[in-house]
Amino acid sequence: MNTGIRMMTRSRSRAPRITAEGCGEELTPREAPAAEGRKSHLPRKTRKLHVTYEASSGEKDEDAEPLKVPVWEPQNWQQQLANIRIMRSKKDAPVDQLGAEHCYDASAPPKQVQRYQVLLSLMLSSQTKDQVTAGAMQRLRARGLTVENILQTDDDMLGRLIYPVGFWRNKVKFIKQTTAILQQRYEGDIPASVAELVALPGVGPKMAHLAMAVAWGTVSGIAVDTHVHRIANRLRWTKKVTKTPEATRTALEEWLPRFAFLSILNARPASTEPCVLLPRTFKSPRASSGQCL
């Protein structure tokens, strides 16, 4: 019996075992696949790419610094400007008492009459001394200088009133045309913009900027005449030599601060002490190095 038990036990021990692989004999562990000829499935090391994007037109980069564009400016212009202010501090030139800001009737109502008189004084002042312009304005005001009165005045009488201003015949025509436009389009007032002012017959850029300053109290730009044009070029206040007053105005406004506009305009009269010194390298038949304007 013992012999039979041993045989049974031994036969059971030899029976096939059930494994996780399924029924049948136990399988031997699988051999690792050969490395040769087979691709490795291990993840490769990759480099990080840093991508930047340009901000769209509606977006602003708060951290970005604004681009600083260098602005050209002449050497020693601040000292020269200080000298100009000293030179003009006495206010002893004819323009200081007879300029456009003194030629209109400050008591004339309404305000549009005063502005109209300012514009006419500027139209008369072209190529004319301040004393002659002031005399013509006095004669016009004595007859009642309004839009209605000028339109009712015949050309012959108007010419006699403004004579001897420069180009008085042309100015008679321009005054009549401009006055008619003011009555038809602006209810007797003058335009409140440079673009509309220069569109009037006989009104140029210098007159328009002065009218904006005197009549409307607005600084719209530099009023450059032949005198300011000449002085600005002699001081080398333009990046390159300019040939016309309008070109000088554009060149000055590119760099000159607005607070200096009035000082430049008032630099027209000549003086001897103190003076605005020219650059040492400047050569002129009328002024040598260190000579006054």
C-alpha atoms as a PDB file:
ATOM      1  CA  MET A   1       0.000   0.000   0.000  1.00  0.00           C
ATOM      2  CA  ASN A   2       2.841   2.308   0.832  1.00  0.00           C
ATOM      3  CA  THR A   3       4.284   1.501  -2.497  1.00  0.00           C
ATOM      4  CA  GLY A   4       1.058   2.518  -4.235  1.00  0.00           C
ATOM      5  CA  ILE A   5       0.885   5.826  -2.429  1.00  0.00           C
ATOM      6  CA  ARG A   6       4.399   6.729  -3.441  1.00  0.00           C
ATOM      7  CA  MET A   7       3.654   5.909  -7.060  1.00  0.00           C
ATOM      8  CA  MET A   8       0.529   8.060  -6.995  1.00  0.00           C
ATOM      9  CA  THR A   9       2.355  10.976  -5.463  1.00  0.00           C
ATOM     10  CA  ARG A  10       5.166  10.745  -7.932  1.00  0.00           C
ATOM     11  CA  SER A  11       2.741  10.610 -10.842  1.00  0.00           C
ATOM     12  CA  ARG A  12       0.930  13.691  -9.544  1.00  0.00           C
ATOM     13  CA  SER A  13       4.136  15.602  -9.214  1.00  0.00           C
ATOM     14  CA  ARG A  14       4.894  14.908 -12.833  1.00  0.00           C
ATOM     15  CA  ALA A  15       1.490  16.164 -14.018  1.00  0.00           C
ATOM     16  CA  PRO A  16       1.544  19.351 -16.079  1.00  0.00           C
ATOM     17  CA  ARG A  17       1.011  22.612 -14.150  1.00  0.00           C
ATOM     18  CA  ILE A  18      -1.435  25.334 -15.105  1.00  0.00           C
ATOM     19  CA  THR A  19       0.188  28.694 -15.424  1.00  0.00           C
ATOM     20  CA  ALA A  20      -0.849  32.182 -16.335  1.00  0.00           C
ATOM     21  CA  GLU A  21       0.018  31.303 -19.909  1.00  0.00           C
ATOM     22  CA  GLY A  22      -2.923  28.914 -20.115  1.00  0.00           C
ATOM     23  CA  CYS A  23      -3.282  25.143 -20.054  1.00  0.00           C
ATOM     24  CA  GLY A  24      -0.400  22.810 -20.786  1.00  0.00           C
ATOM     25  CA  GLU A  25       3.118  22.417 -19.603  1.00  0.00           C
ATOM     26  CA  GLU A  26       4.878  25.308 -17.884  1.00  0.00           C
ATOM     27  CA  LEU A  27       6.639  27.479 -20.326  1.00  0.00           C
ATOM     28  CA  THR A  28      10.150  28.701 -19.893  1.00  0.00           C
ATOM     29  CA  PRO A  29      10.758  32.426 -19.636  1.00  0.00           C
ATOM     30  CA  ARG A  30      10.939  34.148 -23.013  1.00  0.00           C
ATOM     31  CA  GLU A  31      14.285  35.182 -24.155  1.00  0.00           C
ATOM     32  CA  ALA A  32      14.917  38.912 -24.584  1.00  0.00           C
ATOM     33  CA  PRO A  33      14.815  39.956 -28.239  1.00  0.00           C
ATOM     34  CA  ALA A  34      18.114  40.602 -29.876  1.00  0.00           C
ATOM     35  CA  ALA A  35      19.073  44.279 -30.027  1.00  0.00           C
ATOM     36  CA  GLU A  36      20.565  43.998 -33.471  1.00  0.00           C
ATOM     37  CA  GLY A  37      18.343  44.823 -36.365  1.00  0.00           C
ATOM     38  CA  ARG A  38      15.492  46.076 -34.204  1.00  0.00           C
ATOM     39  CA  LYS A  39      14.552  49.656 -33.336  1.00  0.00           C
ATOM     40  CA  SER A  40      14.560  50.723 -29.752  1.00  0.00           C
ATOM     41  CA  HIS A  41      11.248  52.013 -28.403  1.00  0.00           C
ATOM     42  CA  LEU A  42      12.912  54.179 -25.768  1.00  0.00           C
ATOM     43  CA  PRO A  43      11.919  57.904 -26.005  1.00  0.00           C
ATOM     44  CA  ARG A  44      14.507  60.125 -27.629  1.00  0.00           C
ATOM     45  CA  LYS A  45      15.818  63.267 -25.986  1.00  0.00           C
ATOM     46  CA  THR A  46      14.415  66.364 -27.763  1.00  0.00           C
ATOM     47  CA  ARG A  47      15.506  70.003 -27.596  1.00  0.00           C
ATOM     48  CA  LYS A  48      12.986  72.633 -26.575  1.00  0.00           C
ATOM     49  CA  LEU A  49      12.239  75.308 -29.185  1.00  0.00           C
ATOM     50  CA  HIS A  50      11.491  78.789 -27.980  1.00  0.00           C
ATOM     51  CA  VAL A  51       8.993  80.422 -30.343  1.00  0.00           C
ATOM     52  CA  THR A  52       8.210  84.125 -30.181  1.00  0.00           C
ATOM     53  CA  TYR A  53       5.349  85.857 -31.876  1.00  0.00           C
ATOM     54  CA  GLU A  54       4.978  89.430 -33.088  1.00  0.00           C
ATOM     55  CA  ALA A  55       2.257  91.382 -31.369  1.00  0.00           C
ATOM     56  CA  SER A  56      -0.719  92.146 -33.546  1.00  0.00           C
ATOM     57  CA  SER A  57      -1.713  95.719 -34.343  1.00  0.00           C
ATOM     58  CA  GLY A  58      -4.257  95.769 -31.527  1.00  0.00           C
ATOM     59  CA  GLU A  59      -1.948  94.309 -28.883  1.00  0.00           C
ATOM     60  CA  LYS A  60       0.659  96.120 -26.850  1.00  0.00           C
ATOM     61  CA  ASP A  61       3.706  94.578 -25.252  1.00  0.00           C
ATOM     62  CA  GLU A  62       3.919  96.196 -21.838  1.00  0.00           C
ATOM     63  CA  ASP A  63       7.480  94.991 -21.293  1.00  0.00           C
ATOM     64  CA  ALA A  64       8.790  96.241 -24.628  1.00  0.00           C
ATOM     65  CA  GLU A  65      10.649  99.554 -24.566  1.00  0.00           C
ATOM     66  CA  PRO A  66       9.489 102.179 -27.073  1.00  0.00           C
ATOM     67  CA  LEU A  67      11.852 102.939 -29.907  1.00  0.00           C
ATOM     68  CA  LYS A  68      13.657 106.222 -29.434  1.00  0.00           C
ATOM     69  CA  VAL A  69      14.203 108.048 -32.697  1.00  0.00           C
ATOM     70  CA  PRO A  70      16.941 110.668 -32.410  1.00  0.00           C
ATOM     71  CA  VAL A  71      15.713 114.146 -33.340  1.00  0.00           C
ATOM     72  CA  TRP A  72      18.110 116.488 -35.074  1.00  0.00           C
ATOM     73  CA  GLU A  73      18.680 119.857 -33.490  1.00  0.00           C
ATOM     74  CA  PRO A  74      21.276 122.562 -34.115  1.00  0.00           C
ATOM     75  CA  GLN A  75      24.140 123.199 -31.756  1.00  0.00           C
ATOM     76  CA  ASN A  76      23.796 125.919 -29.111  1.00  0.00           C
ATOM     77  CA  TRP A  77      20.236 126.759 -30.173  1.00  0.00           C
ATOM     78  CA  GLN A  78      19.068 127.186 -26.575  1.00  0.00           C
ATOM     79  CA  GLN A  79      21.752 129.780 -25.874  1.00  0.00           C
ATOM     80  CA  GLN A  80      20.930 131.542 -29.116  1.00  0.00           C
ATOM     81  CA  LEU A  81      17.254 131.549 -28.207  1.00  0.00           C
ATOM     82  CA  ALA A  82      18.071 133.055 -24.820  1.00  0.00           C
ATOM     83  CA  ASN A  83      20.037 135.794 -26.600  1.00  0.00           C
ATOM     84  CA  ILE A  84      17.100 136.473 -28.918  1.00  0.00           C
ATOM     85  CA  ARG A  85      14.792 136.903 -25.945  1.00  0.00           C
ATOM     86  CA  ILE A  86      17.204 139.344 -24.324  1.00  0.00           C
ATOM     87  CA  MET A  87      17.598 141.253 -27.590  1.00  0.00           C
ATOM     88  CA  ARG A  88      13.799 141.593 -27.916  1.00  0.00           C
ATOM     89  CA  SER A  89      13.077 142.286 -24.246  1.00  0.00           C
ATOM     90  CA  LYS A  90      12.699 146.051 -24.754  1.00  0.00           C
ATOM     91  CA  LYS A  91       9.868 145.607 -27.310  1.00  0.00           C
ATOM     92  CA  ASP A  92      11.033 148.693 -29.165  1.00  0.00           C
ATOM     93  CA  ALA A  93      10.357 147.621 -32.755  1.00  0.00           C
ATOM     94  CA  PRO A  94       7.417 149.009 -34.801  1.00  0.00           C
ATOM     95  CA  VAL A  95       5.787 145.583 -34.881  1.00  0.00           C
ATOM     96  CA  ASP A  96       5.488 145.689 -31.086  1.00  0.00           C
ATOM     97  CA  GLN A  97       3.091 148.643 -31.261  1.00  0.00           C
ATOM     98  CA  LEU A  98       1.694 148.335 -34.796  1.00  0.00           C
ATOM     99  CA  GLY A  99       1.412 144.602 -35.374  1.00  0.00           C
ATOM    100  CA  ALA A 100      -1.774 142.668 -36.172  1.00  0.00           C
ATOM    101  CA  GLU A 101      -2.637 142.350 -32.490  1.00  0.00           C
ATOM    102  CA  HIS A 102      -2.809 146.170 -32.256  1.00  0.00           C
ATOM    103  CA  CYS A 103      -4.560 147.044 -35.535  1.00  0.00           C
ATOM    104  CA  TYR A 104      -8.076 145.825 -34.779  1.00  0.00           C
ATOM    105  CA  ASP A 105     -10.728 147.572 -32.713  1.00  0.00           C
ATOM    106  CA  ALA A 106     -10.868 145.604 -29.463  1.00  0.00           C
ATOM    107  CA  SER A 107     -14.153 147.293 -28.525  1.00  0.00           C
ATOM    108  CA  ALA A 108     -15.949 146.428 -31.778  1.00  0.00           C
ATOM    109  CA  PRO A 109     -18.806 143.964 -31.241  1.00  0.00           C
ATOM    110  CA  PRO A 110     -19.268 141.165 -31.954  1.00  0.00           C
ATOM    111  CA  LYS A 111     -16.065 139.120 -31.832  1.00  0.00           C
ATOM    112  CA  GLN A 112     -16.346 138.196 -35.508  1.00  0.00           C
ATOM    113  CA  VAL A 113     -15.806 141.858 -36.458  1.00  0.00           C
ATOM    114  CA  GLN A 114     -12.566 141.898 -34.495  1.00  0.00           C
ATOM    115  CA  ARG A 115     -11.400 138.689 -36.143  1.00  0.00           C
ATOM    116  CA  TYR A 116     -12.259 140.085 -39.575  1.00  0.00           C
ATOM    117  CA  GLN A 117     -10.175 143.189 -38.883  1.00  0.00           C
ATOM    118  CA  VAL A 118      -7.242 141.008 -37.774  1.00  0.00           C
ATOM    119  CA  LEU A 119      -7.374 139.087 -41.040  1.00  0.00           C
ATOM    120  CA  LEU A 120      -7.525 142.275 -43.141  1.00  0.00           C
ATOM    121  CA  SER A 121      -4.565 143.804 -41.314  1.00  0.00           C
ATOM    122  CA  LEU A 122      -2.550 140.673 -42.102  1.00  0.00           C
ATOM    123  CA  MET A 123      -3.537 140.784 -45.762  1.00  0.00           C
ATOM    124  CA  LEU A 124      -2.437 144.419 -45.961  1.00  0.00           C
ATOM    125  CA  SER A 125       0.875 143.756 -44.172  1.00  0.00           C
ATOM    126  CA  SER A 126       2.376 141.622 -46.948  1.00  0.00           C
ATOM    127  CA  GLN A 127       5.406 143.401 -48.459  1.00  0.00           C
ATOM    128  CA  THR A 128       4.484 146.497 -46.430  1.00  0.00           C
ATOM    129  CA  LYS A 129       6.057 148.284 -43.470  1.00  0.00           C
ATOM    130  CA  ASP A 130       4.175 148.124 -40.202  1.00  0.00           C
ATOM    131  CA  GLN A 131       3.688 151.894 -40.116  1.00  0.00           C
ATOM    132  CA  VAL A 132       2.014 151.893 -43.562  1.00  0.00           C
ATOM    133  CA  THR A 133      -0.237 148.972 -42.635  1.00  0.00           C
ATOM    134  CA  ALA A 134      -1.308 150.681 -39.410  1.00  0.00           C
ATOM    135  CA  GLY A 135      -2.197 153.881 -41.337  1.00  0.00           C
ATOM    136  CA  ALA A 136      -4.342 151.976 -43.820  1.00  0.00           C
ATOM    137  CA  MET A 137      -6.148 150.165 -41.007  1.00  0.00           C
ATOM    138  CA  GLN A 138      -6.908 153.473 -39.281  1.00  0.00           C
ATOM    139  CA  ARG A 139      -8.530 154.840 -42.432  1.00  0.00           C
ATOM    140  CA  LEU A 140     -10.581 151.680 -42.940  1.00  0.00           C
ATOM    141  CA  ARG A 141     -11.752 151.616 -39.331  1.00  0.00           C
ATOM    142  CA  ALA A 142     -12.795 155.269 -39.551  1.00  0.00           C
ATOM    143  CA  ARG A 143     -15.316 154.289 -42.267  1.00  0.00           C
ATOM    144  CA  GLY A 144     -16.489 151.233 -40.337  1.00  0.00           C
ATOM    145  CA  LEU A 145     -14.415 148.153 -41.021  1.00  0.00           C
ATOM    146  CA  THR A 146     -17.028 145.409 -41.289  1.00  0.00           C
ATOM    147  CA  VAL A 147     -17.870 142.770 -43.878  1.00  0.00           C
ATOM    148  CA  GLU A 148     -20.979 144.664 -44.971  1.00  0.00           C
ATOM    149  CA  ASN A 149     -19.218 148.011 -45.367  1.00  0.00           C
ATOM    150  CA  ILE A 150     -16.324 146.580 -47.383  1.00  0.00           C
ATOM    151  CA  LEU A 151     -18.708 144.857 -49.796  1.00  0.00           C
ATOM    152  CA  GLN A 152     -20.557 148.141 -50.284  1.00  0.00           C
ATOM    153  CA  THR A 153     -17.326 150.088 -50.919  1.00  0.00           C
ATOM    154  CA  ASP A 154     -16.340 150.369 -54.585  1.00  0.00           C
ATOM    155  CA  ASP A 155     -12.878 149.291 -55.697  1.00  0.00           C
ATOM    156  CA  ASP A 156     -11.676 152.833 -56.385  1.00  0.00           C
ATOM    157  CA  MET A 157     -12.507 154.056 -52.888  1.00  0.00           C
ATOM    158  CA  LEU A 158     -11.046 150.933 -51.292  1.00  0.00           C
ATOM    159  CA  GLY A 159      -7.832 151.449 -53.229  1.00  0.00           C
ATOM    160  CA  ARG A 160      -7.535 155.037 -52.004  1.00  0.00           C
ATOM    161  CA  LEU A 161      -8.098 153.926 -48.421  1.00  0.00           C
ATOM    162  CA  ILE A 162      -5.368 151.300 -48.382  1.00  0.00           C
ATOM    163  CA  TYR A 163      -2.812 153.085 -50.583  1.00  0.00           C
ATOM    164  CA  PRO A 164       0.272 153.028 -50.350  1.00  0.00           C
ATOM    165  CA  VAL A 165       0.471 149.427 -49.101  1.00  0.00           C
ATOM    166  CA  GLY A 166       2.495 147.138 -51.313  1.00  0.00           C
ATOM    167  CA  PHE A 167       0.647 145.699 -54.325  1.00  0.00           C
ATOM    168  CA  TRP A 168      -2.441 147.675 -53.331  1.00  0.00           C
ATOM    169  CA  ARG A 169      -4.305 146.955 -56.581  1.00  0.00           C
ATOM    170  CA  ASN A 170      -4.039 143.200 -56.081  1.00  0.00           C
ATOM    171  CA  LYS A 171      -5.021 143.584 -52.449  1.00  0.00           C
ATOM    172  CA  VAL A 172      -8.189 145.463 -53.396  1.00  0.00           C
ATOM    173  CA  LYS A 173      -9.213 142.462 -55.488  1.00  0.00           C
ATOM    174  CA  PHE A 174      -8.229 139.903 -52.809  1.00  0.00           C
ATOM    175  CA  ILE A 175     -10.010 141.810 -50.024  1.00  0.00           C
ATOM    176  CA  LYS A 176     -13.240 141.984 -52.017  1.00  0.00           C
ATOM    177  CA  GLN A 177     -13.110 138.287 -52.970  1.00  0.00           C
ATOM    178  CA  THR A 178     -12.232 137.092 -49.468  1.00  0.00           C
ATOM    179  CA  THR A 179     -14.872 139.295 -47.826  1.00  0.00           C
ATOM    180  CA  ALA A 180     -17.566 137.909 -50.145  1.00  0.00           C
ATOM    181  CA  ILE A 181     -16.517 134.336 -49.268  1.00  0.00           C
ATOM    182  CA  LEU A 182     -16.635 135.108 -45.547  1.00  0.00           C
ATOM    183  CA  GLN A 183     -20.169 136.445 -45.851  1.00  0.00           C
ATOM    184  CA  GLN A 184     -21.415 133.531 -47.956  1.00  0.00           C
ATOM    185  CA  ARG A 185     -19.712 130.614 -46.180  1.00  0.00           C
ATOM    186  CA  TYR A 186     -18.814 131.767 -42.662  1.00  0.00           C
ATOM    187  CA  GLU A 187     -21.610 134.212 -41.747  1.00  0.00           C
ATOM    188  CA  GLY A 188     -19.155 137.112 -41.730  1.00  0.00           C
ATOM    189  CA  ASP A 189     -16.618 135.368 -39.488  1.00  0.00           C
ATOM    190  CA  ILE A 190     -13.206 134.013 -40.473  1.00  0.00           C
ATOM    191  CA  PRO A 191     -12.282 130.302 -40.675  1.00  0.00           C
ATOM    192  CA  ALA A 192     -10.875 128.623 -37.577  1.00  0.00           C
ATOM    193  CA  SER A 193      -8.299 126.421 -39.314  1.00  0.00           C
ATOM    194  CA  VAL A 194      -5.114 126.997 -41.284  1.00  0.00           C
ATOM    195  CA  ALA A 195      -6.338 124.891 -44.205  1.00  0.00           C
ATOM    196  CA  GLU A 196      -9.453 127.023 -44.652  1.00  0.00           C
ATOM    197  CA  LEU A 197      -7.591 130.291 -44.168  1.00  0.00           C
ATOM    198  CA  VAL A 198      -4.962 129.613 -46.840  1.00  0.00           C
ATOM    199  CA  ALA A 199      -7.784 128.736 -49.251  1.00  0.00           C
ATOM    200  CA  LEU A 200      -8.929 132.378 -49.137  1.00  0.00           C
ATOM    201  CA  PRO A 201      -7.649 134.705 -51.894  1.00  0.00           C
ATOM    202  CA  GLY A 202      -4.594 136.673 -50.803  1.00  0.00           C
ATOM    203  CA  VAL A 203      -3.972 134.663 -47.583  1.00  0.00           C
ATOM    204  CA  GLY A 204      -0.699 132.754 -47.258  1.00  0.00           C
ATOM    205  CA  PRO A 205       0.645 130.335 -44.597  1.00  0.00           C
ATOM    206  CA  LYS A 206       2.300 133.075 -42.529  1.00  0.00           C
ATOM    207  CA  MET A 207      -0.944 135.105 -42.385  1.00  0.00           C
ATOM    208  CA  ALA A 208      -2.940 131.981 -41.546  1.00  0.00           C
ATOM    209  CA  HIS A 209      -0.763 131.025 -38.577  1.00  0.00           C
ATOM    210  CA  LEU A 210      -0.787 134.603 -37.273  1.00  0.00           C
ATOM    211  CA  ALA A 211      -4.562 134.799 -37.662  1.00  0.00           C
ATOM    212  CA  MET A 212      -4.942 131.577 -35.671  1.00  0.00           C
ATOM    213  CA  ALA A 213      -2.764 133.029 -32.902  1.00  0.00           C
ATOM    214  CA  VAL A 214      -4.168 136.582 -32.752  1.00  0.00           C
ATOM    215  CA  ALA A 215      -7.818 136.051 -33.733  1.00  0.00           C
ATOM    216  CA  TRP A 216      -8.449 132.583 -32.288  1.00  0.00           C
ATOM    217  CA  GLY A 217      -5.763 132.341 -29.582  1.00  0.00           C
ATOM    218  CA  THR A 218      -4.422 129.060 -30.998  1.00  0.00           C
ATOM    219  CA  VAL A 219      -0.790 128.232 -31.765  1.00  0.00           C
ATOM    220  CA  SER A 220      -0.977 126.313 -35.043  1.00  0.00           C
ATOM    221  CA  GLY A 221       2.588 126.705 -36.266  1.00  0.00           C
ATOM    222  CA  ILE A 222       5.453 129.098 -36.913  1.00  0.00           C
ATOM    223  CA  ALA A 223       4.684 132.205 -38.945  1.00  0.00           C
ATOM    224  CA  VAL A 224       7.755 132.451 -41.169  1.00  0.00           C
ATOM    225  CA  ASP A 225       8.323 135.508 -43.354  1.00  0.00           C
ATOM    226  CA  THR A 226      11.403 136.446 -45.344  1.00  0.00           C
ATOM    227  CA  HIS A 227      13.111 137.804 -42.213  1.00  0.00           C
ATOM    228  CA  VAL A 228      12.627 134.664 -40.115  1.00  0.00           C
ATOM    229  CA  HIS A 229      13.614 132.611 -43.166  1.00  0.00           C
ATOM    230  CA  ARG A 230      16.872 134.528 -43.469  1.00  0.00           C
ATOM    231  CA  ILE A 231      17.702 134.437 -39.748  1.00  0.00           C
ATOM    232  CA  ALA A 232      16.953 130.719 -39.386  1.00  0.00           C
ATOM    233  CA  ASN A 233      19.327 129.863 -42.224  1.00  0.00           C
ATOM    234  CA  ARG A 234      22.075 132.149 -40.927  1.00  0.00           C
ATOM    235  CA  LEU A 235      21.823 130.520 -37.508  1.00  0.00           C
ATOM    236  CA  ARG A 236      21.812 127.122 -39.208  1.00  0.00           C
ATOM    237  CA  TRP A 237      18.590 126.198 -37.488  1.00  0.00           C
ATOM    238  CA  THR A 238      17.547 124.112 -40.467  1.00  0.00           C
ATOM    239  CA  LYS A 239      19.040 120.699 -41.137  1.00  0.00           C
ATOM    240  CA  LYS A 240      19.854 121.813 -44.653  1.00  0.00           C
ATOM    241  CA  VAL A 241      19.699 125.155 -46.426  1.00  0.00           C
ATOM    242  CA  THR A 242      16.138 126.108 -47.324  1.00  0.00           C
ATOM    243  CA  LYS A 243      15.130 128.297 -50.233  1.00  0.00           C
ATOM    244  CA  THR A 244      11.636 129.480 -49.295  1.00  0.00           C
ATOM    245  CA  PRO A 245       9.927 130.667 -46.095  1.00  0.00           C
ATOM    246  CA  GLU A 246       7.497 127.747 -46.286  1.00  0.00           C
ATOM    247  CA  ALA A 247      10.368 125.250 -46.497  1.00  0.00           C
ATOM    248  CA  THR A 248      11.960 126.960 -43.499  1.00  0.00           C
ATOM    249  CA  ARG A 249       8.712 126.696 -41.533  1.00  0.00           C
ATOM    250  CA  THR A 250       8.531 122.950 -42.191  1.00  0.00           C
ATOM    251  CA  ALA A 251      12.182 122.464 -41.226  1.00  0.00           C
ATOM    252  CA  LEU A 252      11.823 124.446 -37.985  1.00  0.00           C
ATOM    253  CA  GLU A 253       8.644 122.686 -36.895  1.00  0.00           C
ATOM    254  CA  GLU A 254      10.396 119.307 -37.191  1.00  0.00           C
ATOM    255  CA  TRP A 255      12.507 120.002 -34.110  1.00  0.00           C
ATOM    256  CA  LEU A 256      11.813 123.418 -32.550  1.00  0.00           C
ATOM    257  CA  PRO A 257       9.725 123.194 -29.328  1.00  0.00           C
ATOM    258  CA  ARG A 258       6.409 125.024 -29.441  1.00  0.00           C
ATOM    259  CA  PHE A 259       7.363 127.346 -26.573  1.00  0.00           C
ATOM    260  CA  ALA A 260      10.040 128.885 -28.791  1.00  0.00           C
ATOM    261  CA  PHE A 261       7.749 129.744 -31.713  1.00  0.00           C
ATOM    262  CA  LEU A 262       6.902 133.272 -30.578  1.00  0.00           C
ATOM    263  CA  SER A 263      10.511 134.138 -29.829  1.00  0.00           C
ATOM    264  CA  ILE A 264      11.545 133.212 -33.352  1.00  0.00           C
ATOM    265  CA  LEU A 265       8.814 135.362 -34.866  1.00  0.00           C
ATOM    266  CA  ASN A 266       9.824 138.345 -32.741  1.00  0.00           C
ATOM    267  CA  ALA A 267      13.467 138.058 -33.786  1.00  0.00           C
ATOM    268  CA  ARG A 268      12.933 140.080 -36.949  1.00  0.00           C
ATOM    269  CA  PRO A 269      14.095 143.570 -35.892  1.00  0.00           C
ATOM    270  CA  ALA A 270      17.843 144.137 -35.883  1.00  0.00           C
ATOM    271  CA  SER A 271      19.758 145.128 -32.780  1.00  0.00           C
ATOM    272  CA  THR A 272      23.334 145.483 -31.679  1.00  0.00           C
ATOM    273  CA  GLU A 273      23.482 144.572 -28.002  1.00  0.00           C
ATOM    274  CA  PRO A 274      23.010 141.892 -26.935  1.00  0.00           C
ATOM    275  CA  CYS A 275      23.314 139.976 -30.162  1.00  0.00           C
ATOM    276  CA  VAL A 276      22.736 136.488 -31.492  1.00  0.00           C
ATOM    277  CA  LEU A 277      26.161 135.139 -32.358  1.00  0.00           C
ATOM    278  CA  LEU A 278      26.589 133.289 -35.621  1.00  0.00           C
ATOM    279  CA  PRO A 279      28.535 130.006 -35.803  1.00  0.00           C
ATOM    280  CA  ARG A 280      32.270 130.531 -36.144  1.00  0.00           C
ATOM    281  CA  THR A 281      32.286 128.594 -39.413  1.00  0.00           C
ATOM    282  CA  PHE A 282      29.586 130.786 -40.992  1.00  0.00           C
ATOM    283  CA  LYS A 283      30.780 132.918 -43.880  1.00  0.00           C
ATOM    284  CA  SER A 284      28.736 135.766 -45.304  1.00  0.00           C
ATOM    285  CA  PRO A 285      29.601 138.957 -47.189  1.00  0.00           C
ATOM    286  CA  ARG A 286      27.480 140.890 -44.699  1.00  0.00           C
ATOM    287  CA  ALA A 287      28.372 139.173 -41.449  1.00  0.00           C
ATOM    288  CA  SER A 288      31.614 137.631 -40.237  1.00  0.00           C
ATOM    289  CA  SER A 289      32.290 135.188 -37.420  1.00  0.00           C
ATOM    290  CA  GLY A 290      30.950 136.388 -34.118  1.00  0.00           C
ATOM    291  CA  GLN A 291      29.031 139.267 -35.724  1.00  0.00           C
ATOM    292  CA  CYS A 292      25.474 140.185 -34.791  1.00  0.00           C
ATOM    293  CA  LEU A 293      22.526 139.403 -37.011  1.00  0.00           C
END
